[in-house]
C-alpha cells in the first residue's frame, strides 16, 4: 500500500486548527462587538440629545385660587395635551374645610326645619 492511502490526520494538528478557528471566531466577535459599541457611542448623541437646554413654546401658568396639593399627575413631562384634558388632580385642605362647614350648616338647617315642624 502506498503512503498516501494510509495517511491519517494528525490529532495535534487537527486540534490546533480547530482551536485556531474557535479563537479566530472569538477574536472576530470581540472586534465586531467593540466596533458596534463604539459606533453606537458615536451615533447615540445624534439620536438622543443628552444636554441641558430649553424648549421655546407657549408658556402657560396653571394655578388654583386656593392652596392645594397635587394628588395625581395625569401627564408626563414633554407630553402634548389638548384643551380640556385633565392635567392634574388636586386636593385642598381649605376646600375640605369649606365642604365640612357647608355640610354642618345644611345639617343644622335641616334640624331647625324639623324642630319647627314638630312645634307647629
PDB file of N, CA and C in Angstrom:
ATOM      1  N   UNK A   1       0.837  -1.173   0.000  1.00  0.00           N
ATOM      2  CA  UNK A   1       0.000   0.000   0.000  1.00  0.00           C
ATOM      3  C   UNK A   1       0.883   1.238   0.000  1.00  0.00           C
ATOM      4  N   UNK A   2       0.283   2.270  -0.535  1.00  0.00           N
ATOM      5  CA  UNK A   2       1.082   3.482  -0.641  1.00  0.00           C
ATOM      6  C   UNK A   2       0.877   4.346   0.584  1.00  0.00           C
ATOM      7  N   UNK A   3       1.802   5.283   0.742  1.00  0.00           N
ATOM      8  CA  UNK A   3       1.754   6.186   1.893  1.00  0.00           C
ATOM      9  C   UNK A   3       0.552   7.120   1.854  1.00  0.00           C
ATOM     10  N   UNK A   4       0.121   7.525   0.685  1.00  0.00           N
ATOM     11  CA  UNK A   4      -0.971   8.490   0.574  1.00  0.00           C
ATOM     12  C   UNK A   4      -2.300   7.895   1.026  1.00  0.00           C
ATOM     13  N   UNK A   5      -2.496   6.616   0.860  1.00  0.00           N
ATOM     14  CA  UNK A   5      -3.751   5.999   1.269  1.00  0.00           C
ATOM     15  C   UNK A   5      -3.794   5.752   2.765  1.00  0.00           C
ATOM     16  N   UNK A   6      -2.672   5.553   3.407  1.00  0.00           N
ATOM     17  CA  UNK A   6      -2.653   5.251   4.833  1.00  0.00           C
ATOM     18  C   UNK A   6      -2.497   6.491   5.702  1.00  0.00           C
ATOM     19  N   UNK A   7      -2.425   7.620   5.102  1.00  0.00           N
ATOM     20  CA  UNK A   7      -2.227   8.826   5.898  1.00  0.00           C
ATOM     21  C   UNK A   7      -3.469   9.142   6.713  1.00  0.00           C
ATOM     22  N   UNK A   8      -3.307   9.202   7.983  1.00  0.00           N
ATOM     23  CA  UNK A   8      -4.391   9.612   8.884  1.00  0.00           C
ATOM     24  C   UNK A   8      -4.104  11.034   9.335  1.00  0.00           C
ATOM     25  N   UNK A   9      -5.143  11.818   9.601  1.00  0.00           N
ATOM     26  CA  UNK A   9      -4.899  13.183  10.056  1.00  0.00           C
ATOM     27  C   UNK A   9      -4.237  13.168  11.429  1.00  0.00           C
ATOM     28  N   UNK A  10      -3.314  14.067  11.589  1.00  0.00           N
ATOM     29  CA  UNK A  10      -2.593  14.191  12.853  1.00  0.00           C
ATOM     30  C   UNK A  10      -3.541  14.828  13.879  1.00  0.00           C
ATOM     31  N   UNK A  11      -3.791  14.152  15.027  1.00  0.00           N
ATOM     32  CA  UNK A  11      -4.736  14.710  16.009  1.00  0.00           C
ATOM     33  C   UNK A  11      -4.271  16.037  16.578  1.00  0.00           C
ATOM     34  N   UNK A  12      -2.988  16.249  16.743  1.00  0.00           N
ATOM     35  CA  UNK A  12      -2.485  17.507  17.292  1.00  0.00           C
ATOM     36  C   UNK A  12      -2.742  18.646  16.312  1.00  0.00           C
ATOM     37  N   UNK A  13      -2.461  18.404  15.051  1.00  0.00           N
ATOM     38  CA  UNK A  13      -2.676  19.433  14.026  1.00  0.00           C
ATOM     39  C   UNK A  13      -4.164  19.744  13.892  1.00  0.00           C
ATOM     40  N   UNK A  14      -4.982  18.701  13.901  1.00  0.00           N
ATOM     41  CA  UNK A  14      -6.427  18.903  13.801  1.00  0.00           C
ATOM     42  C   UNK A  14      -6.941  19.726  14.979  1.00  0.00           C
ATOM     43  N   UNK A  15      -6.466  19.427  16.186  1.00  0.00           N
ATOM     44  CA  UNK A  15      -6.888  20.160  17.379  1.00  0.00           C
ATOM     45  C   UNK A  15      -6.428  21.610  17.297  1.00  0.00           C
ATOM     46  N   UNK A  16      -5.226  21.837  16.816  1.00  0.00           N
ATOM     47  CA  UNK A  16      -4.722  23.197  16.687  1.00  0.00           C
ATOM     48  C   UNK A  16      -5.534  23.986  15.670  1.00  0.00           C
ATOM     49  N   UNK A  17      -5.881  23.325  14.561  1.00  0.00           N
ATOM     50  CA  UNK A  17      -6.679  24.009  13.542  1.00  0.00           C
ATOM     51  C   UNK A  17      -8.068  24.351  14.083  1.00  0.00           C
ATOM     52  N   UNK A  18      -8.672  23.400  14.809  1.00  0.00           N
ATOM     53  CA  UNK A  18      -9.998  23.641  15.386  1.00  0.00           C
ATOM     54  C   UNK A  18      -9.925  24.748  16.427  1.00  0.00           C
ATOM     55  N   UNK A  19      -8.919  24.695  17.305  1.00  0.00           N
ATOM     56  CA  UNK A  19      -8.747  25.730  18.323  1.00  0.00           C
ATOM     57  C   UNK A  19      -8.469  27.060  17.658  1.00  0.00           C
ATOM     58  N   UNK A  20      -7.692  27.039  16.578  1.00  0.00           N
ATOM     59  CA  UNK A  20      -7.405  28.271  15.854  1.00  0.00           C
ATOM     60  C   UNK A  20      -8.661  28.884  15.272  1.00  0.00           C
ATOM     61  N   UNK A  21      -9.542  28.073  14.722  1.00  0.00           N
ATOM     62  CA  UNK A  21     -10.808  28.574  14.179  1.00  0.00           C
ATOM     63  C   UNK A  21     -11.660  29.183  15.283  1.00  0.00           C
ATOM     64  N   UNK A  22     -11.736  28.488  16.422  1.00  0.00           N
ATOM     65  CA  UNK A  22     -12.528  28.982  17.545  1.00  0.00           C
ATOM     66  C   UNK A  22     -11.965  30.306  18.059  1.00  0.00           C
ATOM     67  N   UNK A  23     -10.650  30.368  18.199  1.00  0.00           N
ATOM     68  CA  UNK A  23     -10.045  31.614  18.672  1.00  0.00           C
ATOM     69  C   UNK A  23     -10.240  32.745  17.676  1.00  0.00           C
ATOM     70  N   UNK A  24     -10.138  32.439  16.388  1.00  0.00           N
ATOM     71  CA  UNK A  24     -10.377  33.470  15.376  1.00  0.00           C
ATOM     72  C   UNK A  24     -11.829  33.954  15.430  1.00  0.00           C
ATOM     73  N   UNK A  25     -12.765  33.016  15.636  1.00  0.00           N
ATOM     74  CA  UNK A  25     -14.174  33.390  15.754  1.00  0.00           C
ATOM     75  C   UNK A  25     -14.397  34.274  16.982  1.00  0.00           C
ATOM     76  N   UNK A  26     -13.823  33.885  18.121  1.00  0.00           N
ATOM     77  CA  UNK A  26     -13.973  34.686  19.354  1.00  0.00           C
ATOM     78  C   UNK A  26     -13.344  36.059  19.156  1.00  0.00           C
ATOM     79  N   UNK A  27     -12.159  36.104  18.575  1.00  0.00           N
ATOM     80  CA  UNK A  27     -11.472  37.366  18.328  1.00  0.00           C
ATOM     81  C   UNK A  27     -12.300  38.248  17.398  1.00  0.00           C
ATOM     82  N   UNK A  28     -12.809  37.659  16.314  1.00  0.00           N
ATOM     83  CA  UNK A  28     -13.622  38.430  15.372  1.00  0.00           C
ATOM     84  C   UNK A  28     -14.898  38.932  16.044  1.00  0.00           C
ATOM     85  N   UNK A  29     -15.515  38.104  16.897  1.00  0.00           N
ATOM     86  CA  UNK A  29     -16.727  38.522  17.619  1.00  0.00           C
ATOM     87  C   UNK A  29     -16.433  39.698  18.538  1.00  0.00           C
ATOM     88  N   UNK A  30     -15.301  39.638  19.234  1.00  0.00           N
ATOM     89  CA  UNK A  30     -14.931  40.738  20.133  1.00  0.00           C
ATOM     90  C   UNK A  30     -14.690  42.014  19.333  1.00  0.00           C
ATOM     91  N   UNK A  31     -13.976  41.905  18.214  1.00  0.00           N
ATOM     92  CA  UNK A  31     -13.687  43.079  17.391  1.00  0.00           C
ATOM     93  C   UNK A  31     -14.972  43.677  16.816  1.00  0.00           C
ATOM     94  N   UNK A  32     -15.854  42.821  16.301  1.00  0.00           N
ATOM     95  CA  UNK A  32     -17.127  43.311  15.750  1.00  0.00           C
ATOM     96  C   UNK A  32     -17.969  43.935  16.854  1.00  0.00           C
ATOM     97  N   UNK A  33     -18.034  43.271  18.023  1.00  0.00           N
ATOM     98  CA  UNK A  33     -18.803  43.829  19.147  1.00  0.00           C
ATOM     99  C   UNK A  33     -18.250  45.161  19.600  1.00  0.00           C
ATOM    100  N   UNK A  34     -16.932  45.271  19.683  1.00  0.00           N
ATOM    101  CA  UNK A  34     -16.308  46.532  20.080  1.00  0.00           C
ATOM    102  C   UNK A  34     -16.586  47.615  19.039  1.00  0.00           C
ATOM    103  N   UNK A  35     -16.531  47.232  17.766  1.00  0.00           N
ATOM    104  CA  UNK A  35     -16.841  48.191  16.704  1.00  0.00           C
ATOM    105  C   UNK A  35     -18.279  48.676  16.771  1.00  0.00           C
ATOM    106  N   UNK A  36     -19.206  47.755  17.014  1.00  0.00           N
ATOM    107  CA  UNK A  36     -20.616  48.144  17.148  1.00  0.00           C
ATOM    108  C   UNK A  36     -20.836  49.042  18.353  1.00  0.00           C
ATOM    109  N   UNK A  37     -20.175  48.722  19.460  1.00  0.00           N
ATOM    110  CA  UNK A  37     -20.307  49.537  20.673  1.00  0.00           C
ATOM    111  C   UNK A  37     -19.779  50.948  20.433  1.00  0.00           C
ATOM    112  N   UNK A  38     -18.590  51.047  19.845  1.00  0.00           N
ATOM    113  CA  UNK A  38     -18.022  52.368  19.576  1.00  0.00           C
ATOM    114  C   UNK A  38     -18.857  53.134  18.553  1.00  0.00           C
ATOM    115  N   UNK A  39     -19.365  52.431  17.547  1.00  0.00           N
ATOM    116  CA  UNK A  39     -20.250  53.077  16.582  1.00  0.00           C
ATOM    117  C   UNK A  39     -21.504  53.616  17.238  1.00  0.00           C
ATOM    118  N   UNK A  40     -22.089  52.834  18.135  1.00  0.00           N
ATOM    119  CA  UNK A  40     -23.283  53.278  18.858  1.00  0.00           C
ATOM    120  C   UNK A  40     -22.969  54.494  19.723  1.00  0.00           C
ATOM    121  N   UNK A  41     -21.802  54.489  20.368  1.00  0.00           N
ATOM    122  CA  UNK A  41     -21.422  55.619  21.208  1.00  0.00           C
ATOM    123  C   UNK A  41     -21.241  56.887  20.375  1.00  0.00           C
ATOM    124  N   UNK A  42     -20.829  56.735  19.128  1.00  0.00           N
ATOM    125  CA  UNK A  42     -20.675  57.904  18.262  1.00  0.00           C
ATOM    126  C   UNK A  42     -22.011  58.383  17.701  1.00  0.00           C
ATOM    127  N   UNK A  43     -22.925  57.472  17.427  1.00  0.00           N
ATOM    128  CA  UNK A  43     -24.206  57.827  16.818  1.00  0.00           C
ATOM    129  C   UNK A  43     -25.235  58.244  17.862  1.00  0.00           C
ATOM    130  N   UNK A  44     -25.154  57.690  19.051  1.00  0.00           N
ATOM    131  CA  UNK A  44     -26.166  57.943  20.085  1.00  0.00           C
ATOM    132  C   UNK A  44     -26.377  59.423  20.371  1.00  0.00           C
ATOM    133  N   UNK A  45     -25.326  60.260  20.497  1.00  0.00           N
ATOM    134  CA  UNK A  45     -25.590  61.684  20.749  1.00  0.00           C
ATOM    135  C   UNK A  45     -26.352  62.366  19.625  1.00  0.00           C
ATOM    136  N   UNK A  46     -26.246  61.846  18.422  1.00  0.00           N
ATOM    137  CA  UNK A  46     -27.009  62.435  17.327  1.00  0.00           C
ATOM    138  C   UNK A  46     -28.484  62.075  17.406  1.00  0.00           C
ATOM    139  N   UNK A  47     -28.793  60.914  17.974  1.00  0.00           N
ATOM    140  CA  UNK A  47     -30.178  60.462  18.084  1.00  0.00           C
ATOM    141  C   UNK A  47     -30.833  60.929  19.374  1.00  0.00           C
ATOM    142  N   UNK A  48     -30.111  60.848  20.466  1.00  0.00           N
ATOM    143  CA  UNK A  48     -30.643  61.186  21.785  1.00  0.00           C
ATOM    144  C   UNK A  48     -29.806  62.318  22.369  1.00  0.00           C
ATOM    145  N   UNK A  49     -30.347  63.509  22.371  1.00  0.00           N
ATOM    146  CA  UNK A  49     -29.624  64.637  22.928  1.00  0.00           C
ATOM    147  C   UNK A  49     -29.642  64.530  24.441  1.00  0.00           C
ATOM    148  N   UNK A  50     -28.464  64.588  25.033  1.00  0.00           N
ATOM    149  CA  UNK A  50     -28.360  64.465  26.482  1.00  0.00           C
ATOM    150  C   UNK A  50     -27.799  65.736  27.102  1.00  0.00           C
ATOM    151  N   UNK A  51     -28.074  66.862  26.508  1.00  0.00           N
ATOM    152  CA  UNK A  51     -27.525  68.109  27.027  1.00  0.00           C
ATOM    153  C   UNK A  51     -28.645  68.957  27.626  1.00  0.00           C
ATOM    154  N   UNK A  52     -28.249  69.895  28.452  1.00  0.00           N
ATOM    155  CA  UNK A  52     -29.219  70.785  29.069  1.00  0.00           C
ATOM    156  C   UNK A  52     -29.715  71.763  28.016  1.00  0.00           C
ATOM    157  N   UNK A  53     -30.948  72.153  28.095  1.00  0.00           N
ATOM    158  CA  UNK A  53     -31.498  73.097  27.133  1.00  0.00           C
ATOM    159  C   UNK A  53     -32.919  73.446  27.495  1.00  0.00           C
ATOM    160  N   UNK A  54     -33.513  74.262  26.695  1.00  0.00           N
ATOM    161  CA  UNK A  54     -34.907  74.626  26.947  1.00  0.00           C
ATOM    162  C   UNK A  54     -35.659  74.599  25.630  1.00  0.00           C
ATOM    163  N   UNK A  55     -36.945  74.418  25.731  1.00  0.00           N
ATOM    164  CA  UNK A  55     -37.812  74.366  24.569  1.00  0.00           C
ATOM    165  C   UNK A  55     -38.554  75.688  24.499  1.00  0.00           C
ATOM    166  N   UNK A  56     -38.535  76.291  23.345  1.00  0.00           N
ATOM    167  CA  UNK A  56     -39.268  77.532  23.154  1.00  0.00           C
ATOM    168  C   UNK A  56     -40.666  77.153  22.698  1.00  0.00           C
ATOM    169  N   UNK A  57     -41.645  77.439  23.548  1.00  0.00           N
ATOM    170  CA  UNK A  57     -43.029  77.092  23.261  1.00  0.00           C
ATOM    171  C   UNK A  57     -43.922  78.032  24.056  1.00  0.00           C
ATOM    172  N   UNK A  58     -45.186  78.071  23.714  1.00  0.00           N
ATOM    173  CA  UNK A  58     -46.092  78.892  24.536  1.00  0.00           C
ATOM    174  C   UNK A  58     -46.023  78.449  25.993  1.00  0.00           C
ATOM    175  N   UNK A  59     -45.945  79.407  26.886  1.00  0.00           N
ATOM    176  CA  UNK A  59     -45.773  79.127  28.304  1.00  0.00           C
ATOM    177  C   UNK A  59     -47.061  79.471  29.027  1.00  0.00           C
ATOM    178  N   UNK A  60     -47.604  78.507  29.731  1.00  0.00           N
ATOM    179  CA  UNK A  60     -48.840  78.714  30.466  1.00  0.00           C
ATOM    180  C   UNK A  60     -48.609  78.424  31.939  1.00  0.00           C
ATOM    181  N   UNK A  61     -49.140  79.281  32.784  1.00  0.00           N
ATOM    182  CA  UNK A  61     -49.074  79.065  34.226  1.00  0.00           C
ATOM    183  C   UNK A  61     -50.429  78.536  34.662  1.00  0.00           C
ATOM    184  N   UNK A  62     -50.394  77.392  35.311  1.00  0.00           N
ATOM    185  CA  UNK A  62     -51.620  76.797  35.813  1.00  0.00           C
ATOM    186  C   UNK A  62     -51.620  76.988  37.314  1.00  0.00           C
ATOM    187  N   UNK A  63     -52.679  77.597  37.832  1.00  0.00           N
ATOM    188  CA  UNK A  63     -52.736  77.823  39.278  1.00  0.00           C
ATOM    189  C   UNK A  63     -54.172  77.684  39.760  1.00  0.00           C
ATOM    190  N   UNK A  64     -54.300  77.528  41.053  1.00  0.00           N
ATOM    191  CA  UNK A  64     -55.622  77.441  41.668  1.00  0.00           C
ATOM    192  C   UNK A  64     -55.800  78.650  42.573  1.00  0.00           C
ATOM    193  N   UNK A  65     -57.026  79.053  42.817  1.00  0.00           N
ATOM    194  CA  UNK A  65     -57.257  80.219  43.677  1.00  0.00           C
ATOM    195  C   UNK A  65     -57.114  79.888  45.167  1.00  0.00           C
ATOM    196  N   UNK A  66     -56.706  78.689  45.474  1.00  0.00           N
ATOM    197  CA  UNK A  66     -56.559  78.264  46.869  1.00  0.00           C
ATOM    198  C   UNK A  66     -55.334  77.362  46.988  1.00  0.00           C
ATOM    199  N   UNK A  67     -54.885  77.164  48.196  1.00  0.00           N
ATOM    200  CA  UNK A  67     -53.750  76.285  48.437  1.00  0.00           C
ATOM    201  C   UNK A  67     -54.168  74.850  48.166  1.00  0.00           C
ATOM    202  N   UNK A  68     -53.355  74.137  47.400  1.00  0.00           N
ATOM    203  CA  UNK A  68     -53.734  72.770  47.018  1.00  0.00           C
ATOM    204  C   UNK A  68     -52.487  71.900  46.933  1.00  0.00           C
ATOM    205  N   UNK A  69     -52.730  70.601  47.030  1.00  0.00           N
ATOM    206  CA  UNK A  69     -51.670  69.598  46.909  1.00  0.00           C
ATOM    207  C   UNK A  69     -52.028  68.709  45.728  1.00  0.00           C
ATOM    208  N   UNK A  70     -51.033  68.402  44.869  1.00  0.00           N
ATOM    209  CA  UNK A  70     -51.279  67.548  43.714  1.00  0.00           C
ATOM    210  C   UNK A  70     -51.410  66.106  44.182  1.00  0.00           C
ATOM    211  N   UNK A  71     -52.542  65.492  43.886  1.00  0.00           N
ATOM    212  CA  UNK A  71     -52.806  64.106  44.260  1.00  0.00           C
ATOM    213  C   UNK A  71     -52.417  63.158  43.129  1.00  0.00           C
ATOM    214  N   UNK A  72     -52.754  63.554  41.889  1.00  0.00           N
ATOM    215  CA  UNK A  72     -52.483  62.695  40.737  1.00  0.00           C
ATOM    216  C   UNK A  72     -52.065  63.566  39.567  1.00  0.00           C
ATOM    217  N   UNK A  73     -50.935  63.215  38.941  1.00  0.00           N
ATOM    218  CA  UNK A  73     -50.462  63.922  37.769  1.00  0.00           C
ATOM    219  C   UNK A  73     -50.734  63.035  36.561  1.00  0.00           C
ATOM    220  N   UNK A  74     -51.621  63.474  35.679  1.00  0.00           N
ATOM    221  CA  UNK A  74     -52.098  62.633  34.579  1.00  0.00           C
ATOM    222  C   UNK A  74     -51.203  62.662  33.345  1.00  0.00           C
ATOM    223  N   UNK A  75     -50.277  63.599  33.257  1.00  0.00           N
ATOM    224  CA  UNK A  75     -49.418  63.707  32.078  1.00  0.00           C
ATOM    225  C   UNK A  75     -47.956  63.632  32.513  1.00  0.00           C
ATOM    226  N   UNK A  76     -47.110  63.331  31.536  1.00  0.00           N
ATOM    227  CA  UNK A  76     -45.675  63.279  31.804  1.00  0.00           C
ATOM    228  C   UNK A  76     -45.016  64.479  31.158  1.00  0.00           C
ATOM    229  N   UNK A  77     -43.813  64.758  31.573  1.00  0.00           N
ATOM    230  CA  UNK A  77     -43.059  65.879  31.035  1.00  0.00           C
ATOM    231  C   UNK A  77     -42.854  65.692  29.539  1.00  0.00           C
ATOM    232  N   UNK A  78     -43.157  66.723  28.772  1.00  0.00           N
ATOM    233  CA  UNK A  78     -42.980  66.666  27.337  1.00  0.00           C
ATOM    234  C   UNK A  78     -44.186  66.150  26.566  1.00  0.00           C
ATOM    235  N   UNK A  79     -45.195  65.683  27.262  1.00  0.00           N
ATOM    236  CA  UNK A  79     -46.377  65.132  26.598  1.00  0.00           C
ATOM    237  C   UNK A  79     -47.258  66.274  26.091  1.00  0.00           C
ATOM    238  N   UNK A  80     -47.820  66.112  24.921  1.00  0.00           N
ATOM    239  CA  UNK A  80     -48.729  67.109  24.351  1.00  0.00           C
ATOM    240  C   UNK A  80     -50.122  66.904  24.944  1.00  0.00           C
ATOM    241  N   UNK A  81     -50.739  67.996  25.352  1.00  0.00           N
ATOM    242  CA  UNK A  81     -52.088  67.919  25.921  1.00  0.00           C
ATOM    243  C   UNK A  81     -53.040  68.728  25.055  1.00  0.00           C
ATOM    244  N   UNK A  82     -54.277  68.318  25.077  1.00  0.00           N
ATOM    245  CA  UNK A  82     -55.325  69.004  24.319  1.00  0.00           C
ATOM    246  C   UNK A  82     -56.133  69.880  25.279  1.00  0.00           C
ATOM    247  N   UNK A  83     -56.843  70.822  24.715  1.00  0.00           N
ATOM    248  CA  UNK A  83     -57.687  71.705  25.515  1.00  0.00           C
ATOM    249  C   UNK A  83     -58.775  70.887  26.203  1.00  0.00           C
ATOM    250  N   UNK A  84     -58.957  71.120  27.486  1.00  0.00           N
ATOM    251  CA  UNK A  84     -59.978  70.422  28.254  1.00  0.00           C
ATOM    252  C   UNK A  84     -59.486  69.122  28.879  1.00  0.00           C
ATOM    253  N   UNK A  85     -58.268  68.686  28.559  1.00  0.00           N
ATOM    254  CA  UNK A  85     -57.735  67.442  29.115  1.00  0.00           C
ATOM    255  C   UNK A  85     -57.296  67.666  30.564  1.00  0.00           C
ATOM    256  N   UNK A  86     -57.572  66.697  31.431  1.00  0.00           N
ATOM    257  CA  UNK A  86     -57.191  66.789  32.836  1.00  0.00           C
ATOM    258  C   UNK A  86     -55.685  66.590  32.948  1.00  0.00           C
ATOM    259  N   UNK A  87     -55.009  67.583  33.510  1.00  0.00           N
ATOM    260  CA  UNK A  87     -53.558  67.523  33.651  1.00  0.00           C
ATOM    261  C   UNK A  87     -53.190  66.985  35.025  1.00  0.00           C
ATOM    262  N   UNK A  88     -53.896  67.436  36.051  1.00  0.00           N
ATOM    263  CA  UNK A  88     -53.580  67.005  37.411  1.00  0.00           C
ATOM    264  C   UNK A  88     -54.843  67.057  38.255  1.00  0.00           C
ATOM    265  N   UNK A  89     -54.866  66.241  39.292  1.00  0.00           N
ATOM    266  CA  UNK A  89     -55.944  66.265  40.277  1.00  0.00           C
ATOM    267  C   UNK A  89     -55.352  66.829  41.557  1.00  0.00           C
ATOM    268  N   UNK A  90     -56.024  67.827  42.127  1.00  0.00           N
ATOM    269  CA  UNK A  90     -55.512  68.470  43.332  1.00  0.00           C
ATOM    270  C   UNK A  90     -56.493  68.274  44.481  1.00  0.00           C
ATOM    271  N   UNK A  91     -55.967  68.402  45.677  1.00  0.00           N
ATOM    272  CA  UNK A  91     -56.792  68.315  46.882  1.00  0.00           C
ATOM    273  C   UNK A  91     -56.369  69.456  47.802  1.00  0.00           C
ATOM    274  N   UNK A  92     -57.361  70.155  48.334  1.00  0.00           N
ATOM    275  CA  UNK A  92     -57.081  71.313  49.158  1.00  0.00           C
ATOM    276  C   UNK A  92     -57.698  71.157  50.544  1.00  0.00           C
ATOM    277  N   UNK A  93     -56.913  71.386  51.588  1.00  0.00           N
ATOM    278  CA  UNK A  93     -57.476  71.367  52.944  1.00  0.00           C
ATOM    279  C   UNK A  93     -58.508  72.487  53.135  1.00  0.00           C
ATOM    280  N   UNK A  94     -58.295  73.612  52.451  1.00  0.00           N
ATOM    281  CA  UNK A  94     -59.246  74.719  52.575  1.00  0.00           C
ATOM    282  C   UNK A  94     -60.610  74.324  51.999  1.00  0.00           C
ATOM    283  N   UNK A  95     -60.609  73.682  50.845  1.00  0.00           N
ATOM    284  CA  UNK A  95     -61.870  73.245  50.226  1.00  0.00           C
ATOM    285  C   UNK A  95     -62.524  72.166  51.082  1.00  0.00           C
ATOM    286  N   UNK A  96     -61.717  71.265  51.644  1.00  0.00           N
ATOM    287  CA  UNK A  96     -62.281  70.240  52.531  1.00  0.00           C
ATOM    288  C   UNK A  96     -62.938  70.883  53.748  1.00  0.00           C
ATOM    289  N   UNK A  97     -62.311  71.917  54.306  1.00  0.00           N
ATOM    290  CA  UNK A  97     -62.889  72.612  55.462  1.00  0.00           C
ATOM    291  C   UNK A  97     -64.174  73.338  55.064  1.00  0.00           C
ATOM    292  N   UNK A  98     -64.177  73.984  53.902  1.00  0.00           N
ATOM    293  CA  UNK A  98     -65.399  74.651  53.436  1.00  0.00           C
ATOM    294  C   UNK A  98     -66.521  73.650  53.202  1.00  0.00           C
ATOM    295  N   UNK A  99     -66.175  72.506  52.634  1.00  0.00           N
ATOM    296  CA  UNK A  99     -67.177  71.462  52.384  1.00  0.00           C
ATOM    297  C   UNK A  99     -67.755  70.962  53.720  1.00  0.00           C
ATOM    298  N   UNK A 100     -66.884  70.758  54.701  1.00  0.00           N
ATOM    299  CA  UNK A 100     -67.349  70.303  56.027  1.00  0.00           C
ATOM    300  C   UNK A 100     -68.247  71.355  56.673  1.00  0.00           C
ATOM    301  N   UNK A 101     -67.886  72.639  56.566  1.00  0.00           N
ATOM    302  CA  UNK A 101     -68.719  73.709  57.116  1.00  0.00           C
ATOM    303  C   UNK A 101     -70.067  73.769  56.415  1.00  0.00           C
ATOM    304  N   UNK A 102     -70.070  73.572  55.093  1.00  0.00           N
ATOM    305  CA  UNK A 102     -71.322  73.581  54.339  1.00  0.00           C
ATOM    306  C   UNK A 102     -72.224  72.434  54.784  1.00  0.00           C
ATOM    307  N   UNK A 103     -71.637  71.241  54.933  1.00  0.00           N
ATOM    308  CA  UNK A 103     -72.441  70.094  55.382  1.00  0.00           C
ATOM    309  C   UNK A 103     -72.977  70.314  56.794  1.00  0.00           C
ATOM    310  N   UNK A 104     -72.156  70.906  57.663  1.00  0.00           N
ATOM    311  CA  UNK A 104     -72.622  71.189  59.029  1.00  0.00           C
ATOM    312  C   UNK A 104     -73.766  72.213  59.000  1.00  0.00           C
ATOM    313  N   UNK A 105     -73.638  73.221  58.144  1.00  0.00           N
ATOM    314  CA  UNK A 105     -74.698  74.239  58.037  1.00  0.00           C
ATOM    315  C   UNK A 105     -75.986  73.632  57.489  1.00  0.00           C
ATOM    316  N   UNK A 106     -75.865  72.777  56.476  1.00  0.00           N
ATOM    317  CA  UNK A 106     -77.048  72.119  55.910  1.00  0.00           C
ATOM    318  C   UNK A 106     -77.695  71.226  56.959  1.00  0.00           C
ATOM    319  N   UNK A 107     -76.885  70.467  57.715  1.00  0.00           N
ATOM    320  CA  UNK A 107     -77.438  69.603  58.758  1.00  0.00           C
ATOM    321  C   UNK A 107     -78.136  70.432  59.836  1.00  0.00           C
ATOM    322  N   UNK A 108     -77.553  71.564  60.182  1.00  0.00           N
ATOM    323  CA  UNK A 108     -78.171  72.435  61.197  1.00  0.00           C
ATOM    324  C   UNK A 108     -79.493  73.004  60.682  1.00  0.00           C
ATOM    325  N   UNK A 109     -79.527  73.392  59.412  1.00  0.00           N
ATOM    326  CA  UNK A 109     -80.759  73.923  58.805  1.00  0.00           C
ATOM    327  C   UNK A 109     -81.849  72.850  58.779  1.00  0.00           C
ATOM    328  N   UNK A 110     -81.480  71.616  58.419  1.00  0.00           N
ATOM    329  CA  UNK A 110     -82.446  70.522  58.390  1.00  0.00           C
ATOM    330  C   UNK A 110     -82.985  70.272  59.796  1.00  0.00           C
ATOM    331  N   UNK A 111     -82.135  70.308  60.821  1.00  0.00           N
ATOM    332  CA  UNK A 111     -82.578  70.104  62.208  1.00  0.00           C
ATOM    333  C   UNK A 111     -83.538  71.210  62.647  1.00  0.00           C
ATOM    334  N   UNK A 112     -83.228  72.456  62.262  1.00  0.00           N
ATOM    335  CA  UNK A 112     -84.112  73.573  62.633  1.00  0.00           C
ATOM    336  C   UNK A 112     -85.478  73.428  61.958  1.00  0.00           C
ATOM    337  N   UNK A 113     -85.470  73.028  60.675  1.00  0.00           N
ATOM    338  CA  UNK A 113     -86.742  72.821  59.983  1.00  0.00           C
ATOM    339  C   UNK A 113     -87.530  71.675  60.627  1.00  0.00           C
ATOM    340  N   UNK A 114     -86.825  70.630  61.058  1.00  0.00           N
ATOM    341  CA  UNK A 114     -87.509  69.510  61.720  1.00  0.00           C
ATOM    342  C   UNK A 114     -88.087  69.961  63.060  1.00  0.00           C
ATOM    343  N   UNK A 115     -87.339  70.798  63.788  1.00  0.00           N
ATOM    344  CA  UNK A 115     -87.857  71.311  65.070  1.00  0.00           C
ATOM    345  C   UNK A 115     -89.108  72.186  64.853  1.00  0.00           C
ATOM    346  N   UNK A 116     -89.106  72.988  63.785  1.00  0.00           N
ATOM    347  CA  UNK A 116     -90.247  73.826  63.503  1.00  0.00           C
ATOM    348  C   UNK A 116     -91.475  72.995  63.154  1.00  0.00           C
ATOM    349  N   UNK A 117     -91.264  71.890  62.437  1.00  0.00           N
ATOM    350  CA  UNK A 117     -92.380  71.040  62.078  1.00  0.00           C
ATOM    351  C   UNK A 117     -92.981  70.373  63.332  1.00  0.00           C
ATOM    352  N   UNK A 118     -92.100  69.996  64.245  1.00  0.00           N
ATOM    353  CA  UNK A 118     -92.582  69.320  65.454  1.00  0.00           C
ATOM    354  C   UNK A 118     -93.335  70.317  66.324  1.00  0.00           C
ATOM    355  N   UNK A 119     -92.876  71.543  66.434  1.00  0.00           N
ATOM    356  CA  UNK A 119     -93.509  72.500  67.331  1.00  0.00           C
ATOM    357  C   UNK A 119     -94.793  73.060  66.763  1.00  0.00           C
ATOM    358  N   UNK A 120     -95.029  72.971  65.475  1.00  0.00           N
ATOM    359  CA  UNK A 120     -96.262  73.531  64.915  1.00  0.00           C
ATOM    360  C   UNK A 120     -97.442  72.685  65.183  1.00  0.00           C
TER     361      UNK A 120
END
